[in-house]
Amino acid sequence: MSDLLTKNEQQELLEIARNTIIDFVTKQKTPAVAPTSPGLNLHSGCFVTIKQKAALRGCIGNFISDRPLYLLVQEMAISAATRDPRFYPMKVNDLSDFRLDISVLSPLTRAASVDEILVGTHGIYIVKGNYRGVLLPQVATEYGWNRDQFLQHTCIKAGLTEDAWQGECDIYIFSAQVFGD
């Protein structure tokens, strides 16, 4: 995915996400934002990832948006901080030490074959009935997974057996511009 956002726009989005998390956790309100960069008004899906001490602390996203990117980043930042079911909601004492990554997504494309999946380039979204699982492109790289391992872990995250991808699943791929502080 070509870089949609400039370094300044990336920095502005990171500041918006950080300030939103801090204001929401301390004051239970979402701060008003007036973006200064045109790229922040793109209509694109995104994920916001929070890490503490290099460990995942929250990650929530949406594949599409009918609103400007900066508003979706605010919503996903609050959700990652307070609504990720894998973690307790962030508290004031959690605000002293956290890092952010933002992944701005390309549109989803249904993969005709798993051979289309490029590890390190594509994220995977697997759907089978009511089961759904997604892993961002950088996850496979961080763990050193090959394509089969990436597919297996996406299935596990969806609540499926690790080999479910070999059967009747819809597999979608996407790329992302990933940046963090």
N, C-alpha and C. Protein backbone atom coordinates (compact mmCIF):
# COMPACT_ATOMS: atom_id res chain seq x y z
N MET A 1 0.86 -1.18 0.00
CA MET A 1 0.00 0.00 0.00
C MET A 1 0.90 1.23 0.00
N SER A 2 0.66 2.09 -0.95
CA SER A 2 1.46 3.31 -0.97
C SER A 2 1.12 4.16 0.25
N ASP A 3 2.06 4.98 0.62
CA ASP A 3 1.84 5.81 1.80
C ASP A 3 0.79 6.88 1.51
N LEU A 4 -0.33 6.74 2.18
CA LEU A 4 -1.43 7.70 2.01
C LEU A 4 -1.18 8.98 2.78
N LEU A 5 -0.52 8.83 3.94
CA LEU A 5 -0.37 9.95 4.84
C LEU A 5 1.09 10.38 4.93
N THR A 6 1.29 11.67 5.01
CA THR A 6 2.64 12.20 5.19
C THR A 6 3.09 11.97 6.63
N LYS A 7 4.36 12.18 6.91
CA LYS A 7 4.88 12.05 8.28
C LYS A 7 4.16 13.01 9.22
N ASN A 8 3.90 14.23 8.77
CA ASN A 8 3.18 15.20 9.61
C ASN A 8 1.76 14.74 9.90
N GLU A 9 1.08 14.17 8.90
CA GLU A 9 -0.27 13.68 9.11
C GLU A 9 -0.27 12.48 10.07
N GLN A 10 0.73 11.62 9.93
CA GLN A 10 0.85 10.49 10.85
C GLN A 10 1.03 10.99 12.28
N GLN A 11 1.92 11.96 12.45
CA GLN A 11 2.17 12.51 13.78
C GLN A 11 0.91 13.15 14.36
N GLU A 12 0.19 13.87 13.52
CA GLU A 12 -1.05 14.50 13.99
C GLU A 12 -2.08 13.46 14.42
N LEU A 13 -2.21 12.37 13.66
CA LEU A 13 -3.14 11.31 14.05
C LEU A 13 -2.72 10.64 15.36
N LEU A 14 -1.43 10.42 15.54
CA LEU A 14 -0.94 9.84 16.79
C LEU A 14 -1.25 10.75 17.98
N GLU A 15 -1.06 12.06 17.80
CA GLU A 15 -1.38 13.01 18.86
C GLU A 15 -2.88 13.02 19.16
N ILE A 16 -3.70 12.96 18.11
CA ILE A 16 -5.15 12.90 18.30
C ILE A 16 -5.52 11.66 19.10
N ALA A 17 -4.98 10.51 18.72
CA ALA A 17 -5.29 9.26 19.42
C ALA A 17 -4.85 9.33 20.88
N ARG A 18 -3.63 9.78 21.13
CA ARG A 18 -3.10 9.86 22.50
C ARG A 18 -3.94 10.81 23.34
N ASN A 19 -4.21 12.01 22.84
CA ASN A 19 -4.99 12.99 23.60
C ASN A 19 -6.42 12.51 23.83
N THR A 20 -6.96 11.80 22.87
CA THR A 20 -8.32 11.26 23.02
C THR A 20 -8.36 10.23 24.14
N ILE A 21 -7.38 9.33 24.16
CA ILE A 21 -7.33 8.31 25.21
C ILE A 21 -7.19 8.98 26.58
N ILE A 22 -6.27 9.92 26.69
CA ILE A 22 -6.05 10.60 27.97
C ILE A 22 -7.31 11.33 28.44
N ASP A 23 -7.93 12.09 27.54
CA ASP A 23 -9.15 12.82 27.93
C ASP A 23 -10.29 11.88 28.28
N PHE A 24 -10.43 10.79 27.53
CA PHE A 24 -11.54 9.89 27.80
C PHE A 24 -11.34 9.16 29.13
N VAL A 25 -10.12 8.73 29.41
CA VAL A 25 -9.87 8.00 30.65
C VAL A 25 -9.95 8.94 31.86
N THR A 26 -9.49 10.16 31.72
CA THR A 26 -9.48 11.08 32.87
C THR A 26 -10.77 11.87 33.04
N LYS A 27 -11.44 12.20 31.93
CA LYS A 27 -12.61 13.08 32.01
C LYS A 27 -13.89 12.46 31.44
N GLN A 28 -13.78 11.24 30.91
CA GLN A 28 -14.91 10.56 30.26
C GLN A 28 -15.52 11.40 29.14
N LYS A 29 -14.67 12.11 28.40
CA LYS A 29 -15.17 12.88 27.26
C LYS A 29 -14.19 12.77 26.10
N THR A 30 -14.73 12.92 24.91
CA THR A 30 -13.93 12.91 23.69
C THR A 30 -13.60 14.35 23.33
N PRO A 31 -12.32 14.66 23.19
CA PRO A 31 -11.96 16.06 22.89
C PRO A 31 -12.38 16.46 21.47
N ALA A 32 -12.74 17.71 21.32
CA ALA A 32 -13.02 18.25 19.99
C ALA A 32 -11.70 18.39 19.25
N VAL A 33 -11.70 18.05 17.98
CA VAL A 33 -10.47 18.09 17.18
C VAL A 33 -10.74 18.87 15.91
N ALA A 34 -9.78 19.71 15.54
CA ALA A 34 -9.83 20.43 14.26
C ALA A 34 -8.55 20.09 13.51
N PRO A 35 -8.59 19.04 12.67
CA PRO A 35 -7.36 18.62 11.99
C PRO A 35 -6.84 19.70 11.06
N THR A 36 -5.51 19.76 10.97
CA THR A 36 -4.88 20.77 10.12
C THR A 36 -4.40 20.20 8.79
N SER A 37 -4.43 18.86 8.64
CA SER A 37 -3.91 18.22 7.44
C SER A 37 -5.03 17.59 6.63
N PRO A 38 -5.00 17.73 5.30
CA PRO A 38 -6.08 17.19 4.47
C PRO A 38 -6.20 15.67 4.52
N GLY A 39 -5.08 14.95 4.71
CA GLY A 39 -5.13 13.49 4.74
C GLY A 39 -5.96 12.94 5.87
N LEU A 40 -6.17 13.72 6.91
CA LEU A 40 -6.94 13.25 8.05
C LEU A 40 -8.44 13.20 7.77
N ASN A 41 -8.83 13.73 6.61
CA ASN A 41 -10.23 13.69 6.21
C ASN A 41 -10.53 12.54 5.25
N LEU A 42 -9.53 11.69 4.97
CA LEU A 42 -9.76 10.51 4.14
C LEU A 42 -10.84 9.64 4.75
N HIS A 43 -11.52 8.88 3.93
CA HIS A 43 -12.48 7.89 4.42
C HIS A 43 -11.82 6.53 4.24
N SER A 44 -11.26 6.03 5.32
CA SER A 44 -10.51 4.79 5.29
C SER A 44 -10.67 4.08 6.61
N GLY A 45 -10.62 2.76 6.57
CA GLY A 45 -10.65 2.00 7.80
C GLY A 45 -9.32 2.13 8.54
N CYS A 46 -9.34 1.82 9.83
CA CYS A 46 -8.10 1.87 10.61
C CYS A 46 -8.24 1.01 11.85
N PHE A 47 -7.08 0.66 12.40
CA PHE A 47 -6.99 -0.01 13.70
C PHE A 47 -6.07 0.83 14.56
N VAL A 48 -6.39 0.93 15.84
CA VAL A 48 -5.52 1.58 16.82
C VAL A 48 -5.06 0.49 17.78
N THR A 49 -3.74 0.39 17.94
CA THR A 49 -3.13 -0.60 18.82
C THR A 49 -2.43 0.12 19.96
N ILE A 50 -2.69 -0.35 21.18
CA ILE A 50 -2.04 0.20 22.37
C ILE A 50 -1.12 -0.88 22.93
N LYS A 51 0.09 -0.48 23.26
CA LYS A 51 1.04 -1.39 23.90
C LYS A 51 1.57 -0.77 25.18
N GLN A 52 1.79 -1.63 26.18
CA GLN A 52 2.44 -1.22 27.42
C GLN A 52 3.56 -2.21 27.68
N LYS A 53 4.75 -1.68 27.93
CA LYS A 53 5.93 -2.52 28.15
C LYS A 53 6.08 -3.54 27.03
N ALA A 54 5.89 -3.10 25.79
CA ALA A 54 6.03 -3.89 24.56
C ALA A 54 4.99 -5.00 24.41
N ALA A 55 4.02 -5.07 25.32
CA ALA A 55 2.97 -6.08 25.24
C ALA A 55 1.66 -5.43 24.78
N LEU A 56 0.88 -6.19 24.04
CA LEU A 56 -0.41 -5.71 23.58
C LEU A 56 -1.27 -5.32 24.77
N ARG A 57 -1.93 -4.16 24.69
CA ARG A 57 -2.80 -3.65 25.75
C ARG A 57 -4.22 -3.40 25.24
N GLY A 58 -4.35 -3.34 23.92
CA GLY A 58 -5.66 -3.14 23.31
C GLY A 58 -5.49 -2.92 21.81
N CYS A 59 -6.43 -3.43 21.04
CA CYS A 59 -6.40 -3.21 19.59
C CYS A 59 -7.81 -3.38 19.06
N ILE A 60 -8.33 -2.31 18.50
CA ILE A 60 -9.68 -2.31 17.94
C ILE A 60 -9.63 -1.51 16.64
N GLY A 61 -10.44 -1.95 15.68
CA GLY A 61 -10.47 -1.24 14.42
C GLY A 61 -11.75 -1.49 13.66
N ASN A 62 -11.81 -0.86 12.50
CA ASN A 62 -12.94 -0.99 11.60
C ASN A 62 -12.41 -0.96 10.18
N PHE A 63 -12.95 -1.82 9.32
CA PHE A 63 -12.45 -1.91 7.94
C PHE A 63 -12.89 -0.76 7.05
N ILE A 64 -14.02 -0.16 7.37
CA ILE A 64 -14.55 0.92 6.53
C ILE A 64 -14.99 2.08 7.42
N SER A 65 -15.17 3.22 6.79
CA SER A 65 -15.68 4.37 7.54
C SER A 65 -16.41 5.31 6.59
N ASP A 66 -17.53 5.80 7.05
CA ASP A 66 -18.24 6.83 6.28
C ASP A 66 -17.95 8.22 6.87
N ARG A 67 -16.96 8.24 7.78
CA ARG A 67 -16.57 9.49 8.43
C ARG A 67 -15.10 9.76 8.17
N PRO A 68 -14.64 10.97 8.41
CA PRO A 68 -13.21 11.26 8.23
C PRO A 68 -12.33 10.39 9.12
N LEU A 69 -11.14 10.09 8.64
CA LEU A 69 -10.20 9.22 9.33
C LEU A 69 -9.94 9.66 10.77
N TYR A 70 -9.75 10.96 10.99
CA TYR A 70 -9.42 11.42 12.34
C TYR A 70 -10.53 11.09 13.34
N LEU A 71 -11.79 11.10 12.90
CA LEU A 71 -12.91 10.75 13.80
C LEU A 71 -12.92 9.26 14.07
N LEU A 72 -12.62 8.44 13.05
CA LEU A 72 -12.54 7.00 13.27
C LEU A 72 -11.38 6.67 14.20
N VAL A 73 -10.25 7.36 14.04
CA VAL A 73 -9.11 7.14 14.94
C VAL A 73 -9.52 7.44 16.38
N GLN A 74 -10.24 8.53 16.60
CA GLN A 74 -10.70 8.83 17.96
C GLN A 74 -11.57 7.70 18.52
N GLU A 75 -12.52 7.25 17.72
CA GLU A 75 -13.43 6.19 18.16
C GLU A 75 -12.67 4.89 18.46
N MET A 76 -11.74 4.52 17.58
CA MET A 76 -10.99 3.28 17.76
C MET A 76 -10.00 3.40 18.92
N ALA A 77 -9.46 4.58 19.16
CA ALA A 77 -8.55 4.80 20.29
C ALA A 77 -9.30 4.58 21.60
N ILE A 78 -10.49 5.15 21.70
CA ILE A 78 -11.31 4.96 22.91
C ILE A 78 -11.66 3.49 23.08
N SER A 79 -12.06 2.84 21.99
CA SER A 79 -12.42 1.43 22.06
C SER A 79 -11.24 0.55 22.45
N ALA A 80 -10.07 0.82 21.88
CA ALA A 80 -8.88 0.03 22.22
C ALA A 80 -8.51 0.21 23.69
N ALA A 81 -8.71 1.41 24.20
CA ALA A 81 -8.35 1.71 25.59
C ALA A 81 -9.37 1.19 26.59
N THR A 82 -10.63 1.12 26.20
CA THR A 82 -11.66 0.84 27.20
C THR A 82 -12.61 -0.32 26.86
N ARG A 83 -12.59 -0.81 25.62
CA ARG A 83 -13.59 -1.81 25.23
C ARG A 83 -13.03 -3.09 24.64
N ASP A 84 -11.72 -3.24 24.60
CA ASP A 84 -11.15 -4.49 24.10
C ASP A 84 -11.44 -5.56 25.16
N PRO A 85 -12.22 -6.58 24.83
CA PRO A 85 -12.64 -7.55 25.85
C PRO A 85 -11.49 -8.38 26.44
N ARG A 86 -10.32 -8.31 25.83
CA ARG A 86 -9.18 -9.08 26.34
C ARG A 86 -8.49 -8.39 27.52
N PHE A 87 -8.85 -7.12 27.78
CA PHE A 87 -8.15 -6.33 28.80
C PHE A 87 -9.15 -5.52 29.61
N TYR A 88 -8.76 -5.18 30.83
CA TYR A 88 -9.60 -4.28 31.62
C TYR A 88 -9.48 -2.87 31.03
N PRO A 89 -10.51 -2.03 31.19
CA PRO A 89 -10.42 -0.66 30.67
C PRO A 89 -9.25 0.09 31.29
N MET A 90 -8.55 0.86 30.49
CA MET A 90 -7.41 1.63 31.00
C MET A 90 -7.87 2.56 32.10
N LYS A 91 -7.00 2.72 33.09
CA LYS A 91 -7.24 3.62 34.20
C LYS A 91 -6.18 4.72 34.17
N VAL A 92 -6.35 5.72 35.01
CA VAL A 92 -5.43 6.86 35.02
C VAL A 92 -3.98 6.40 35.19
N ASN A 93 -3.73 5.42 36.06
CA ASN A 93 -2.34 4.99 36.26
C ASN A 93 -1.75 4.27 35.05
N ASP A 94 -2.57 3.86 34.09
CA ASP A 94 -2.09 3.24 32.86
C ASP A 94 -1.61 4.28 31.84
N LEU A 95 -1.93 5.55 32.08
CA LEU A 95 -1.64 6.59 31.09
C LEU A 95 -0.18 7.05 31.09
N SER A 96 0.58 6.67 32.10
CA SER A 96 1.96 7.15 32.19
C SER A 96 2.90 6.40 31.25
N ASP A 97 2.48 5.24 30.78
CA ASP A 97 3.39 4.43 29.98
C ASP A 97 2.63 3.61 28.94
N PHE A 98 2.33 4.22 27.80
CA PHE A 98 1.73 3.45 26.71
C PHE A 98 2.20 3.99 25.37
N ARG A 99 2.27 3.07 24.40
CA ARG A 99 2.66 3.41 23.04
C ARG A 99 1.49 3.13 22.11
N LEU A 100 1.48 3.82 20.99
CA LEU A 100 0.41 3.67 20.02
C LEU A 100 0.95 3.28 18.65
N ASP A 101 0.19 2.45 17.96
CA ASP A 101 0.38 2.20 16.54
C ASP A 101 -0.97 2.43 15.89
N ILE A 102 -0.94 3.03 14.72
CA ILE A 102 -2.15 3.20 13.92
C ILE A 102 -1.91 2.53 12.59
N SER A 103 -2.88 1.73 12.17
CA SER A 103 -2.83 1.06 10.87
C SER A 103 -3.97 1.60 10.03
N VAL A 104 -3.63 2.32 8.95
CA VAL A 104 -4.64 2.85 8.03
C VAL A 104 -4.77 1.82 6.91
N LEU A 105 -5.98 1.35 6.68
CA LEU A 105 -6.21 0.18 5.84
C LEU A 105 -6.60 0.48 4.41
N SER A 106 -6.18 -0.41 3.52
CA SER A 106 -6.71 -0.43 2.16
C SER A 106 -8.07 -1.12 2.22
N PRO A 107 -8.86 -1.03 1.16
CA PRO A 107 -10.12 -1.79 1.14
C PRO A 107 -9.85 -3.30 1.17
N LEU A 108 -10.81 -4.06 1.71
CA LEU A 108 -10.74 -5.52 1.71
C LEU A 108 -10.89 -6.06 0.29
N THR A 109 -10.16 -7.12 -0.01
CA THR A 109 -10.28 -7.82 -1.29
C THR A 109 -10.42 -9.30 -0.98
N ARG A 110 -11.41 -9.94 -1.58
CA ARG A 110 -11.58 -11.38 -1.36
C ARG A 110 -10.47 -12.11 -2.10
N ALA A 111 -9.76 -12.97 -1.39
CA ALA A 111 -8.67 -13.74 -2.00
C ALA A 111 -9.24 -14.94 -2.73
N ALA A 112 -8.88 -15.10 -3.99
CA ALA A 112 -9.31 -16.26 -4.76
C ALA A 112 -8.51 -17.49 -4.33
N SER A 113 -7.31 -17.25 -3.82
CA SER A 113 -6.42 -18.33 -3.38
C SER A 113 -5.53 -17.80 -2.26
N VAL A 114 -5.15 -18.67 -1.34
CA VAL A 114 -4.24 -18.25 -0.27
C VAL A 114 -2.88 -17.87 -0.84
N ASP A 115 -2.60 -18.28 -2.05
CA ASP A 115 -1.33 -17.91 -2.69
C ASP A 115 -1.22 -16.40 -2.90
N GLU A 116 -2.33 -15.69 -2.86
CA GLU A 116 -2.32 -14.23 -3.01
C GLU A 116 -1.79 -13.53 -1.76
N ILE A 117 -1.80 -14.22 -0.63
CA ILE A 117 -1.40 -13.62 0.65
C ILE A 117 0.11 -13.45 0.69
N LEU A 118 0.55 -12.21 0.83
CA LEU A 118 1.97 -11.89 0.97
C LEU A 118 2.24 -11.54 2.42
N VAL A 119 2.95 -12.43 3.11
CA VAL A 119 3.27 -12.22 4.52
C VAL A 119 4.10 -10.95 4.66
N GLY A 120 3.71 -10.10 5.59
CA GLY A 120 4.39 -8.83 5.79
C GLY A 120 3.78 -7.69 5.00
N THR A 121 2.96 -8.03 4.01
CA THR A 121 2.27 -7.02 3.20
C THR A 121 0.78 -7.02 3.47
N HIS A 122 0.20 -8.22 3.58
CA HIS A 122 -1.25 -8.35 3.74
C HIS A 122 -1.63 -8.72 5.16
N GLY A 123 -2.77 -8.18 5.58
CA GLY A 123 -3.47 -8.67 6.75
C GLY A 123 -4.52 -9.64 6.26
N ILE A 124 -5.05 -10.43 7.18
CA ILE A 124 -6.04 -11.45 6.82
C ILE A 124 -7.30 -11.25 7.66
N TYR A 125 -8.44 -11.36 6.98
CA TYR A 125 -9.75 -11.36 7.64
C TYR A 125 -10.45 -12.63 7.18
N ILE A 126 -10.73 -13.54 8.11
CA ILE A 126 -11.37 -14.82 7.80
C ILE A 126 -12.79 -14.80 8.34
N VAL A 127 -13.73 -15.27 7.49
CA VAL A 127 -15.13 -15.33 7.86
C VAL A 127 -15.64 -16.74 7.55
N LYS A 128 -16.28 -17.35 8.54
CA LYS A 128 -16.95 -18.64 8.34
C LYS A 128 -18.19 -18.62 9.22
N GLY A 129 -19.35 -18.52 8.59
CA GLY A 129 -20.59 -18.41 9.34
C GLY A 129 -20.56 -17.18 10.23
N ASN A 130 -20.79 -17.39 11.52
CA ASN A 130 -20.77 -16.28 12.48
C ASN A 130 -19.38 -16.02 13.07
N TYR A 131 -18.39 -16.77 12.63
CA TYR A 131 -17.03 -16.64 13.14
C TYR A 131 -16.23 -15.68 12.27
N ARG A 132 -15.50 -14.79 12.94
CA ARG A 132 -14.69 -13.81 12.23
C ARG A 132 -13.39 -13.58 12.99
N GLY A 133 -12.32 -13.44 12.23
CA GLY A 133 -11.03 -13.15 12.86
C GLY A 133 -10.18 -12.32 11.94
N VAL A 134 -9.43 -11.41 12.53
CA VAL A 134 -8.56 -10.55 11.74
C VAL A 134 -7.20 -10.45 12.43
N LEU A 135 -6.17 -10.45 11.62
CA LEU A 135 -4.83 -10.12 12.09
C LEU A 135 -4.22 -9.13 11.11
N LEU A 136 -3.61 -8.10 11.66
CA LEU A 136 -3.00 -7.04 10.86
C LEU A 136 -1.73 -7.54 10.18
N PRO A 137 -1.31 -6.90 9.09
CA PRO A 137 -0.12 -7.36 8.35
C PRO A 137 1.13 -7.49 9.21
N GLN A 138 1.32 -6.59 10.15
CA GLN A 138 2.55 -6.58 10.94
C GLN A 138 2.64 -7.72 11.95
N VAL A 139 1.50 -8.37 12.25
CA VAL A 139 1.50 -9.43 13.26
C VAL A 139 2.35 -10.62 12.80
N ALA A 140 2.18 -11.04 11.54
CA ALA A 140 2.96 -12.18 11.03
C ALA A 140 4.45 -11.88 11.07
N THR A 141 4.81 -10.66 10.73
CA THR A 141 6.22 -10.26 10.74
C THR A 141 6.77 -10.25 12.17
N GLU A 142 6.00 -9.69 13.11
CA GLU A 142 6.44 -9.61 14.50
C GLU A 142 6.71 -11.00 15.09
N TYR A 143 5.91 -11.99 14.68
CA TYR A 143 6.06 -13.33 15.23
C TYR A 143 6.89 -14.26 14.34
N GLY A 144 7.28 -13.79 13.17
CA GLY A 144 8.09 -14.61 12.27
C GLY A 144 7.31 -15.76 11.63
N TRP A 145 6.02 -15.56 11.42
CA TRP A 145 5.17 -16.62 10.87
C TRP A 145 5.30 -16.69 9.36
N ASN A 146 5.11 -17.90 8.82
CA ASN A 146 4.95 -18.08 7.38
C ASN A 146 3.45 -17.97 7.07
N ARG A 147 3.10 -18.14 5.81
CA ARG A 147 1.69 -17.96 5.39
C ARG A 147 0.76 -18.92 6.13
N ASP A 148 1.13 -20.20 6.19
CA ASP A 148 0.27 -21.18 6.85
C ASP A 148 0.07 -20.85 8.32
N GLN A 149 1.13 -20.46 9.01
CA GLN A 149 1.03 -20.09 10.43
C GLN A 149 0.14 -18.86 10.61
N PHE A 150 0.28 -17.91 9.70
CA PHE A 150 -0.55 -16.69 9.75
C PHE A 150 -2.02 -17.06 9.59
N LEU A 151 -2.33 -17.92 8.65
CA LEU A 151 -3.70 -18.37 8.44
C LEU A 151 -4.21 -19.15 9.66
N GLN A 152 -3.38 -20.01 10.22
CA GLN A 152 -3.77 -20.80 11.39
C GLN A 152 -4.11 -19.88 12.57
N HIS A 153 -3.26 -18.90 12.82
CA HIS A 153 -3.49 -18.01 13.96
C HIS A 153 -4.71 -17.11 13.74
N THR A 154 -4.98 -16.75 12.50
CA THR A 154 -6.18 -15.96 12.21
C THR A 154 -7.42 -16.81 12.47
N CYS A 155 -7.38 -18.08 12.09
CA CYS A 155 -8.49 -18.99 12.38
C CYS A 155 -8.71 -19.14 13.88
N ILE A 156 -7.63 -19.33 14.62
CA ILE A 156 -7.73 -19.47 16.08
C ILE A 156 -8.36 -18.22 16.68
N LYS A 157 -7.92 -17.06 16.21
CA LYS A 157 -8.49 -15.81 16.73
C LYS A 157 -9.99 -15.72 16.43
N ALA A 158 -10.41 -16.31 15.30
CA ALA A 158 -11.83 -16.30 14.93
C ALA A 158 -12.64 -17.31 15.75
N GLY A 159 -11.95 -18.17 16.51
CA GLY A 159 -12.66 -19.20 17.28
C GLY A 159 -12.86 -20.47 16.48
N LEU A 160 -12.12 -20.60 15.38
CA LEU A 160 -12.19 -21.78 14.52
C LEU A 160 -11.02 -22.71 14.81
N THR A 161 -11.07 -23.91 14.23
CA THR A 161 -9.91 -24.78 14.31
C THR A 161 -8.81 -24.18 13.44
N GLU A 162 -7.56 -24.49 13.76
CA GLU A 162 -6.45 -23.85 13.05
C GLU A 162 -6.38 -24.20 11.57
N ASP A 163 -7.02 -25.29 11.18
CA ASP A 163 -7.00 -25.67 9.76
C ASP A 163 -8.28 -25.29 9.02
N ALA A 164 -9.15 -24.52 9.64
CA ALA A 164 -10.43 -24.15 9.02
C ALA A 164 -10.24 -23.39 7.71
N TRP A 165 -9.12 -22.70 7.57
CA TRP A 165 -8.86 -21.93 6.35
C TRP A 165 -8.78 -22.83 5.11
N GLN A 166 -8.53 -24.12 5.31
CA GLN A 166 -8.42 -25.04 4.19
C GLN A 166 -9.79 -25.49 3.69
N GLY A 167 -10.85 -25.12 4.42
CA GLY A 167 -12.21 -25.52 4.06
C GLY A 167 -13.01 -24.36 3.51
N GLU A 168 -14.27 -24.34 3.87
CA GLU A 168 -15.21 -23.34 3.38
C GLU A 168 -15.16 -22.06 4.19
N CYS A 169 -14.17 -21.24 3.95
CA CYS A 169 -14.03 -19.94 4.60
C CYS A 169 -13.92 -18.87 3.53
N ASP A 170 -14.38 -17.69 3.86
CA ASP A 170 -14.09 -16.54 3.02
C ASP A 170 -12.85 -15.88 3.59
N ILE A 171 -11.85 -15.71 2.75
CA ILE A 171 -10.60 -15.10 3.17
C ILE A 171 -10.43 -13.79 2.43
N TYR A 172 -10.28 -12.73 3.20
CA TYR A 172 -10.08 -11.40 2.63
C TYR A 172 -8.68 -10.93 3.01
N ILE A 173 -8.09 -10.14 2.12
CA ILE A 173 -6.77 -9.57 2.40
C ILE A 173 -6.86 -8.05 2.29
N PHE A 174 -5.92 -7.40 2.95
CA PHE A 174 -5.82 -5.95 2.91
C PHE A 174 -4.39 -5.59 3.25
N SER A 175 -4.01 -4.38 2.91
CA SER A 175 -2.70 -3.88 3.30
C SER A 175 -2.94 -2.68 4.23
N ALA A 176 -1.84 -2.18 4.81
CA ALA A 176 -1.99 -1.08 5.77
C ALA A 176 -0.73 -0.21 5.77
N GLN A 177 -0.95 1.06 5.99
CA GLN A 177 0.14 1.97 6.31
C GLN A 177 0.19 2.00 7.84
N VAL A 178 1.28 1.51 8.41
CA VAL A 178 1.40 1.36 9.86
C VAL A 178 2.44 2.35 10.37
N PHE A 179 2.08 3.07 11.42
CA PHE A 179 3.03 4.02 12.03
C PHE A 179 2.72 4.11 13.52
N GLY A 180 3.73 4.50 14.28
CA GLY A 180 3.55 4.57 15.72
C GLY A 180 4.50 5.56 16.36
N ASP A 181 4.33 5.72 17.66
CA ASP A 181 5.21 6.63 18.41
C ASP A 181 6.26 5.87 19.17
